[in-house]
Amino acid sequence: MSVTALWFDLQAHSLHSDGALAPADVIAHAARAGVRLMALTDHDTVEGVDEALAAGRRHGLEVVPATEITVVDPVREDLHMLGYRVDHRDAGLLDLLAASRDDRDDRDDRDDRAGHMVDALRATGWKLDDGALRKRSRTGRPVGRPHLAQAVLAEAANASRLADEGIADVSGLIVAYLIPGAPAFVARTMPEVPDAISAIHAAGGVAVWAHPFWDLDDPELVDTTVRRFAAAGLDGVEAFYGTHTREQTEQLVALCHELGLLATGSADFHGPEHRLFSRFRAFSLHGHPPRLGPIAAAAEYRPRTAR
């Protein structure tokens, strides 16, 4: 398939993680936006991939089997590793995704990260009913900080305090209470970046670091982190992203060229009502060609080896 301009969009989320729509509806939105190549990249799950693939066939749109793995690294506790063209039934990949969900999810025994954050939110005085969180976890869907934040926002008893603190949406609650250093944050413990890359490769896939400048502000730190990940076998970087500036994009494109990495891009669609990520193709190439390699072609791919 020939992919030019913004006919591709390689990150999107459904209700199987923190998106608002069913996978088939995500694909329908992408098709209406003119996307010809896309990936459903739900966090720590491939539950919606089969539905997305079927919808892609109906809409004449190529869907890449994919996932977005939340990873632990010394520079930041939550980074994201995209796995493209994976065998989404690979046992090793499924085991890693399940372990990652277990490290974050709200389970009945409360001996888990999300459960501890629920307790911490309550300790700071917030009211929330975690029944919906528990139900979500029991059905195998990830429970992350957006779901915890939504549980707080949904409680009428919190309305006055939310207004007093100027918290109007999920993102505001996360920043105030659920990021490193905030009152209700609890750190993850796994998987580490090399483990995620290895699992993606073992499943026949391509490992790409998602939106580096969304998570890290310092250009020098981004540079050293890309190089370190490349030494661990990273295949590419999401150089083109809705919030990346021209300067940030150009730095990432130059790094990809120097290191022989793929340069991908996305608008990170989460749903039509999302405050930041509501439209497909809402990102810029800033005059640089993407390098999608095997992501854009189903030809046999041999992943890079750690150096």
Protein backbone atom coordinates (compact mmCIF):
# COMPACT_ATOMS: atom_id res chain seq x y z
CA MET A 1 0.00 0.00 0.00
CA SER A 2 1.32 3.45 -0.87
CA VAL A 3 0.90 5.80 2.05
CA THR A 4 1.54 9.50 1.54
CA ALA A 5 0.69 12.75 3.29
CA LEU A 6 -1.70 12.09 6.16
CA TRP A 7 -3.44 9.00 4.85
CA PHE A 8 -2.13 7.14 7.88
CA ASP A 9 -2.83 7.52 11.59
CA LEU A 10 -1.13 4.93 13.75
CA GLN A 11 -2.55 5.36 17.23
CA ALA A 12 -6.16 5.24 18.37
CA HIS A 13 -8.05 4.01 21.42
CA SER A 14 -11.39 2.34 22.02
CA LEU A 15 -13.53 1.56 25.04
CA HIS A 16 -11.24 -1.43 25.67
CA SER A 17 -8.83 1.08 27.24
CA ASP A 18 -9.36 4.83 27.63
CA GLY A 19 -11.27 5.59 24.42
CA ALA A 20 -14.95 6.44 24.16
CA LEU A 21 -16.08 4.27 21.23
CA ALA A 22 -16.29 0.59 20.33
CA PRO A 23 -13.48 -0.54 17.99
CA ALA A 24 -15.78 -0.72 14.96
CA ASP A 25 -16.91 2.86 15.57
CA VAL A 26 -13.29 4.02 15.88
CA ILE A 27 -12.60 2.49 12.46
CA ALA A 28 -15.70 4.13 10.99
CA HIS A 29 -14.53 7.54 12.23
CA ALA A 30 -11.09 6.94 10.73
CA ALA A 31 -12.58 5.94 7.38
CA ARG A 32 -14.76 9.05 7.27
CA ALA A 33 -11.67 11.16 8.00
CA GLY A 34 -9.88 9.72 4.97
CA VAL A 35 -7.46 7.48 6.84
CA ARG A 36 -6.25 4.56 4.74
CA LEU A 37 -3.83 2.92 7.19
CA MET A 38 -4.38 2.90 10.94
CA ALA A 39 -3.83 0.98 14.15
CA LEU A 40 -6.05 0.39 17.16
CA THR A 41 -3.55 0.72 20.03
CA ASP A 42 -5.47 0.17 23.24
CA HIS A 43 -3.42 0.29 26.42
CA ASP A 44 -2.09 -3.09 27.57
CA THR A 45 -4.67 -5.11 25.62
CA VAL A 46 -5.45 -6.47 22.16
CA GLU A 47 -9.08 -7.21 23.06
CA GLY A 48 -10.48 -4.98 20.31
CA VAL A 49 -8.13 -5.96 17.50
CA ASP A 50 -10.32 -8.62 15.85
CA GLU A 51 -13.32 -6.28 15.79
CA ALA A 52 -11.14 -3.51 14.35
CA LEU A 53 -9.73 -5.79 11.64
CA ALA A 54 -13.23 -6.85 10.59
CA ALA A 55 -14.42 -3.23 10.51
CA GLY A 56 -11.38 -2.27 8.45
CA ARG A 57 -12.29 -4.85 5.83
CA ARG A 58 -15.84 -3.47 5.65
CA HIS A 59 -14.60 0.10 5.21
CA GLY A 60 -11.75 -0.70 2.83
CA LEU A 61 -9.22 0.56 5.38
CA GLU A 62 -6.07 -1.33 6.37
CA VAL A 63 -5.92 -1.91 10.13
CA VAL A 64 -2.59 -2.91 11.69
CA PRO A 65 -2.81 -5.33 14.66
CA ALA A 66 -1.31 -3.34 17.53
CA THR A 67 -1.21 -2.45 21.20
CA GLU A 68 0.27 0.28 23.42
CA ILE A 69 2.21 -1.13 26.36
CA THR A 70 2.70 1.00 29.46
CA VAL A 71 6.35 0.62 30.47
CA VAL A 72 8.54 1.52 33.42
CA ASP A 73 11.81 3.37 32.88
CA PRO A 74 14.21 5.34 35.09
CA VAL A 75 13.42 8.62 33.29
CA ARG A 76 9.67 8.31 33.92
CA GLU A 77 7.43 5.76 35.56
CA ASP A 78 4.87 5.76 32.73
CA LEU A 79 6.15 5.65 29.16
CA HIS A 80 4.42 3.95 26.23
CA MET A 81 5.73 1.40 23.77
CA LEU A 82 3.66 0.75 20.65
CA GLY A 83 3.75 -2.72 19.12
CA TYR A 84 2.71 -2.88 15.44
CA ARG A 85 2.10 -5.88 13.18
CA VAL A 86 2.06 -8.13 16.22
CA ASP A 87 0.48 -11.56 16.29
CA HIS A 88 -2.26 -10.52 18.68
CA ARG A 89 -2.78 -14.14 19.73
CA ASP A 90 0.87 -14.72 20.68
CA ALA A 91 0.99 -16.33 24.12
CA GLY A 92 4.06 -14.43 25.30
CA LEU A 93 2.60 -11.07 24.33
CA LEU A 94 -0.72 -11.91 25.98
CA ASP A 95 1.10 -12.92 29.16
CA LEU A 96 3.02 -9.65 29.27
CA LEU A 97 -0.12 -7.59 28.66
CA ALA A 98 -1.95 -9.47 31.40
CA ALA A 99 0.93 -8.89 33.83
CA SER A 100 0.99 -5.20 32.93
CA ARG A 101 -2.75 -4.92 33.56
CA ASP A 102 -2.37 -6.73 36.87
CA ASP A 103 0.25 -4.17 37.87
CA ARG A 104 -2.19 -1.33 37.31
CA ASP A 105 -5.71 -2.70 37.71
CA ASP A 106 -8.29 -2.43 40.45
CA ARG A 107 -8.93 -5.96 41.69
CA ASP A 108 -11.07 -7.27 44.51
CA ASP A 109 -8.11 -8.00 46.80
CA ARG A 110 -7.06 -4.30 46.74
CA ASP A 111 -3.42 -5.41 46.61
CA ASP A 112 -2.79 -3.49 43.42
CA ARG A 113 -1.82 -0.10 42.05
CA ALA A 114 -5.24 1.21 41.02
CA GLY A 115 -6.79 -0.01 44.26
CA HIS A 116 -4.14 1.81 46.27
CA MET A 117 -4.81 4.99 44.27
CA VAL A 118 -8.53 4.64 44.99
CA ASP A 119 -7.67 4.46 48.69
CA ALA A 120 -5.35 7.45 48.36
CA LEU A 121 -8.02 9.52 46.61
CA ARG A 122 -10.43 8.74 49.41
CA ALA A 123 -7.77 9.64 51.98
CA THR A 124 -7.55 13.11 50.43
CA GLY A 125 -11.31 13.50 50.87
CA TRP A 126 -12.69 12.59 47.46
CA LYS A 127 -15.87 10.53 47.25
CA LEU A 128 -16.04 7.77 44.65
CA ASP A 129 -17.85 4.52 43.99
CA ASP A 130 -15.33 2.02 42.61
CA GLY A 131 -17.96 -0.55 41.64
CA ALA A 132 -17.68 0.36 37.95
CA LEU A 133 -13.90 0.05 38.17
CA ARG A 134 -14.13 -3.42 39.68
CA LYS A 135 -16.66 -4.49 37.06
CA ARG A 136 -14.40 -3.20 34.30
CA SER A 137 -11.43 -5.12 35.68
CA ARG A 138 -13.41 -8.35 36.02
CA THR A 139 -14.28 -8.20 32.32
CA GLY A 140 -10.56 -8.06 31.48
CA ARG A 141 -10.39 -4.40 30.46
CA PRO A 142 -7.59 -2.18 31.78
CA VAL A 143 -8.25 0.23 34.61
CA GLY A 144 -6.03 3.28 34.43
CA ARG A 145 -5.81 6.76 35.82
CA PRO A 146 -8.42 8.19 33.38
CA HIS A 147 -10.96 5.74 34.80
CA LEU A 148 -10.08 6.67 38.39
CA ALA A 149 -10.38 10.35 37.54
CA GLN A 150 -13.76 9.79 35.88
CA ALA A 151 -15.01 8.01 39.00
CA VAL A 152 -14.20 11.13 41.02
CA LEU A 153 -15.81 13.46 38.48
CA ALA A 154 -18.96 11.32 38.37
CA GLU A 155 -19.72 11.79 42.07
CA ALA A 156 -22.14 14.66 42.66
CA ALA A 157 -20.74 15.10 46.17
CA ASN A 158 -17.42 16.25 44.64
CA ALA A 159 -18.90 19.03 42.50
CA SER A 160 -18.24 21.92 44.87
CA ARG A 161 -14.66 20.90 45.59
CA LEU A 162 -13.92 20.31 41.92
CA ALA A 163 -15.11 23.83 41.17
CA ASP A 164 -13.08 25.30 44.05
CA GLU A 165 -9.91 23.59 42.80
CA GLY A 166 -10.54 24.50 39.17
CA ILE A 167 -10.72 20.86 38.03
CA ALA A 168 -13.05 20.59 35.05
CA ASP A 169 -12.15 17.31 33.39
CA VAL A 170 -10.28 14.01 33.60
CA SER A 171 -6.96 15.56 32.57
CA GLY A 172 -7.21 18.19 35.29
CA LEU A 173 -7.87 15.58 37.97
CA ILE A 174 -4.98 13.42 36.78
CA VAL A 175 -2.52 16.33 36.83
CA ALA A 176 -3.62 17.45 40.29
CA TYR A 177 -3.74 14.04 41.97
CA LEU A 178 -2.51 11.13 39.82
CA ILE A 179 0.90 11.97 38.36
CA PRO A 180 4.31 11.38 40.00
CA GLY A 181 4.59 13.58 43.08
CA ALA A 182 0.82 14.12 43.33
CA PRO A 183 -1.08 13.10 46.49
CA ALA A 184 -2.76 9.95 45.16
CA PHE A 185 -0.12 8.63 42.77
CA VAL A 186 1.19 5.07 43.17
CA ALA A 187 4.13 3.92 41.04
CA ARG A 188 4.06 0.98 38.64
CA THR A 189 6.65 -1.78 38.89
CA MET A 190 6.67 -3.45 35.41
CA PRO A 191 7.20 -4.12 32.53
CA GLU A 192 10.52 -2.47 31.77
CA VAL A 193 11.31 -1.19 28.27
CA PRO A 194 13.58 -4.08 27.15
CA ASP A 195 10.94 -6.61 28.24
CA ALA A 196 8.23 -4.86 26.21
CA ILE A 197 10.47 -4.62 23.14
CA SER A 198 11.38 -8.31 23.42
CA ALA A 199 7.72 -9.36 23.73
CA ILE A 200 6.75 -7.27 20.70
CA HIS A 201 9.58 -8.77 18.64
CA ALA A 202 8.76 -12.31 19.77
CA ALA A 203 5.20 -11.71 18.53
CA GLY A 204 6.61 -10.73 15.11
CA GLY A 205 6.03 -7.03 15.64
CA VAL A 206 7.69 -3.63 15.42
CA ALA A 207 8.44 -1.63 18.62
CA VAL A 208 7.93 2.15 18.47
CA TRP A 209 8.29 4.66 21.31
CA ALA A 210 5.08 6.69 21.49
CA HIS A 211 4.99 10.52 21.66
CA PRO A 212 8.35 11.17 23.37
CA PHE A 213 7.74 14.89 23.91
CA TRP A 214 4.34 14.26 25.45
CA ASP A 215 6.09 12.51 28.34
CA LEU A 216 9.47 14.27 28.46
CA ASP A 217 10.19 18.00 28.11
CA ASP A 218 13.98 18.10 27.89
CA PRO A 219 15.33 17.69 24.31
CA GLU A 220 18.65 16.34 25.61
CA LEU A 221 16.89 13.74 27.74
CA VAL A 222 14.75 12.70 24.76
CA ASP A 223 17.91 12.31 22.69
CA THR A 224 19.69 10.11 25.22
CA THR A 225 16.54 8.07 25.85
CA VAL A 226 15.98 7.35 22.15
CA ARG A 227 19.59 6.21 21.85
CA ARG A 228 19.29 3.98 24.91
CA PHE A 229 16.07 2.41 23.64
CA ALA A 230 17.62 1.89 20.20
CA ALA A 231 20.45 -0.04 21.84
CA ALA A 232 17.78 -2.27 23.40
CA GLY A 233 16.27 -3.02 19.98
CA LEU A 234 13.75 -0.20 19.45
CA ASP A 235 12.54 -0.09 15.83
CA GLY A 236 11.05 3.38 15.61
CA VAL A 237 9.82 6.59 17.19
CA GLU A 238 6.47 8.35 16.90
CA ALA A 239 8.10 11.49 15.53
CA PHE A 240 4.88 13.07 14.19
CA TYR A 241 2.30 13.78 16.89
CA GLY A 242 -0.46 16.25 17.52
CA THR A 243 1.31 18.09 20.36
CA HIS A 244 4.87 17.91 18.97
CA THR A 245 6.24 21.25 17.81
CA ARG A 246 8.16 21.68 14.56
CA GLU A 247 11.44 21.76 16.50
CA GLN A 248 10.59 18.61 18.43
CA THR A 249 9.54 16.82 15.25
CA GLU A 250 12.71 17.83 13.44
CA GLN A 251 14.86 16.57 16.32
CA LEU A 252 13.10 13.20 16.28
CA VAL A 253 13.23 12.89 12.49
CA ALA A 254 16.98 13.59 12.54
CA LEU A 255 17.51 11.00 15.27
CA CYS A 256 15.52 8.40 13.34
CA HIS A 257 17.58 9.09 10.23
CA GLU A 258 20.87 8.84 12.16
CA LEU A 259 19.93 5.64 13.99
CA GLY A 260 18.06 3.93 11.16
CA LEU A 261 14.73 4.00 13.00
CA LEU A 262 11.21 4.20 11.62
CA ALA A 263 9.46 7.57 11.97
CA THR A 264 5.70 7.14 12.54
CA GLY A 265 2.86 9.46 13.49
CA SER A 266 -0.63 9.77 14.90
CA ALA A 267 -3.32 12.05 16.26
CA ASP A 268 -3.93 9.61 19.16
CA PHE A 269 -7.71 9.53 18.68
CA HIS A 270 -9.64 8.88 21.92
CA GLY A 271 -13.15 9.88 20.85
CA PRO A 272 -15.04 12.71 19.14
CA GLU A 273 -15.65 14.57 22.42
CA HIS A 274 -12.12 14.29 23.83
CA ARG A 275 -10.63 17.66 24.81
CA LEU A 276 -7.28 17.04 23.07
CA PHE A 277 -7.49 13.93 20.89
CA SER A 278 -10.82 14.12 19.06
CA ARG A 279 -9.89 14.01 15.36
CA PHE A 280 -8.01 11.68 13.08
CA ARG A 281 -5.14 13.10 11.00
CA ALA A 282 -4.76 16.02 13.43
CA PHE A 283 -0.97 16.06 13.30
CA SER A 284 1.66 17.52 11.00
CA LEU A 285 4.63 16.09 9.13
CA HIS A 286 6.25 19.55 9.11
CA GLY A 287 7.56 18.84 5.62
CA HIS A 288 9.30 15.58 6.50
CA PRO A 289 8.46 12.20 4.97
CA PRO A 290 7.39 9.45 7.35
CA ARG A 291 9.27 6.18 7.44
CA LEU A 292 6.72 3.47 8.15
CA GLY A 293 8.61 0.48 6.76
CA PRO A 294 6.94 -2.85 7.54
CA ILE A 295 4.07 -1.13 9.38
CA ALA A 296 2.76 0.01 6.00
CA ALA A 297 3.41 -3.28 4.25
CA ALA A 298 2.54 -6.74 5.49
CA ALA A 299 5.76 -8.18 4.05
CA GLU A 300 7.86 -10.37 6.31
CA TYR A 301 9.77 -8.28 8.83
CA ARG A 302 12.79 -9.20 10.91
CA PRO A 303 13.10 -6.94 13.98
CA ARG A 304 16.31 -5.23 14.88
CA THR A 305 18.45 -6.92 17.49
CA ALA A 306 19.78 -5.26 20.61
CA ARG A 307 23.24 -3.80 20.13
